[in-house]
Amino acid sequence: MNYDEITLEQAQKSKGIKWTRYDPDVIPSWIADMDYPVAEPISNLLQSIAHVGDLSYAPNMYEEQLVELFSERMQVRYGWTPDPSGFDCMTDIVQAIYIAVAALCKEDEQVIVQTPTYHPILSACQKMKREMVFSPFVPSGNEWQIDFDQLRRCISPRTKLFLLVNPHNPSGKVLQKEELESIANIVLENDLIVVSDEIHCDLRYSNAGPHIPFASISKEIGKRTVTFNSATKSHNLGGIRSAIAHYGSESLRARFDRFPEGMRGGSNAIGNRATRIAWEMCDDWLEYTITYLESNRNYFFDYLKQNMPDLRHIQNQATFLAWIDCRDVFTDQDPADFFLEKARVATYSGVKFGLGGEGCIRMNFATSRPILSEKLRRMKTALNEIH
């Protein structure tokens, strides 16, 4: 369908948490759900399941087929040939992160986190009582950079695990080959294990360059990397939990296997089948959606620059989640609170994303152009009033 035709009234009919958490007069722009309908083959699958009424347990072959399909997809799209024997099916990425933190880092050891970062990573480390050391991304002109000297300094003999998010959430940065190779050198120098969350890899824009799976950098790096991926973000399946984990070595798998299979969650029949359909039949939907998102990304960037220049924003290379630095405007108030109260637009407070997030917000631009325009108009009006 033409996404421009999605109206505010239509979007408000959603029963998901995005549109039901706040009062009806609030336009949500916080959680990472798109406002677009799923691809027709996925919709047909779900209708067929409902019609037949078959919600039985999934046979093992569903997982085997999903693993084979993912391996082929990684090879064709990204030049990475993961070993099919190194896979596991997980309930979702967040659960997988919790298990990884527990499995790969002892309580007296440290985890490297690049901030601002996907907030469940911070929660997982805090709740599992693992100490974090932070390596902040640095805004520089029109891009985000890694301070590799600072990254090296933050590592101690107790540092064991590197939690990598690529493409990065919330900055929207795609790590380039040279950056990944520099990280790989640091990993090898310090005998680190890497968990690479690559769930946004299919959501890259024309200026981003290719996605490079971290495990593909070298054989040595592959052996010490656990890769997480899923179709839930790229194909708008947030309510259907299904994720893939790939272990680069038997020793890494063994550390996860210390946790009983029941604790690792496994997968579900609907999630597996929907993911297979997404990866087998829905790349045309994905390409259309990325083209629309890129147009929204450009509109969003230009609107801020022209109408709210005090809000600093580096244009996304990937994802549909924009990071906005509001510190030139707000010194003693969380901008997320301000925009909720005065503009009736719900954003994510940057505080939730860790070090460097204070005074910032994360916004979702995966909606129709009319809804996006209304969000931005409301925010501009609210800022004009305080100026």
Foldseek 3Di string as FASTA:
>chain_A
DAQQPCDLVNLLVDPDCQNPVDDNLFAEFADQFFSDDFDPVLVVVVVVCVVVVDFDFDDPVLVLVLLVLVQVVCCVQAVDRADSVQKAKFQADLLVLLLCCPLFADLQAEEEDEPLADLSNVVSCVVVNHHYFYFYWDDDPQDTHGPLVVVLVSDDLRYAEYEAEAVTPPQQAHDDLVRLVSVVVSCVVNVHAYEYEDAFQLFFDPPHDHHHPSLPNDLVNLQRYKYKYFCCNLRRPVVAGIIMIGHSHVVSVVSSVVDPPVSRPGHGDSRSVSRCCCSPPPVVVSVVLSVQLVVLLVVVVVCCVVQVVLWDWRGHRGGQKTKIANCSPDDPDFVQVQCCVQLSYHWAQLVSSDDPRGRMTIGGRSHHPVSNVSSSVSVSVSSVVVD
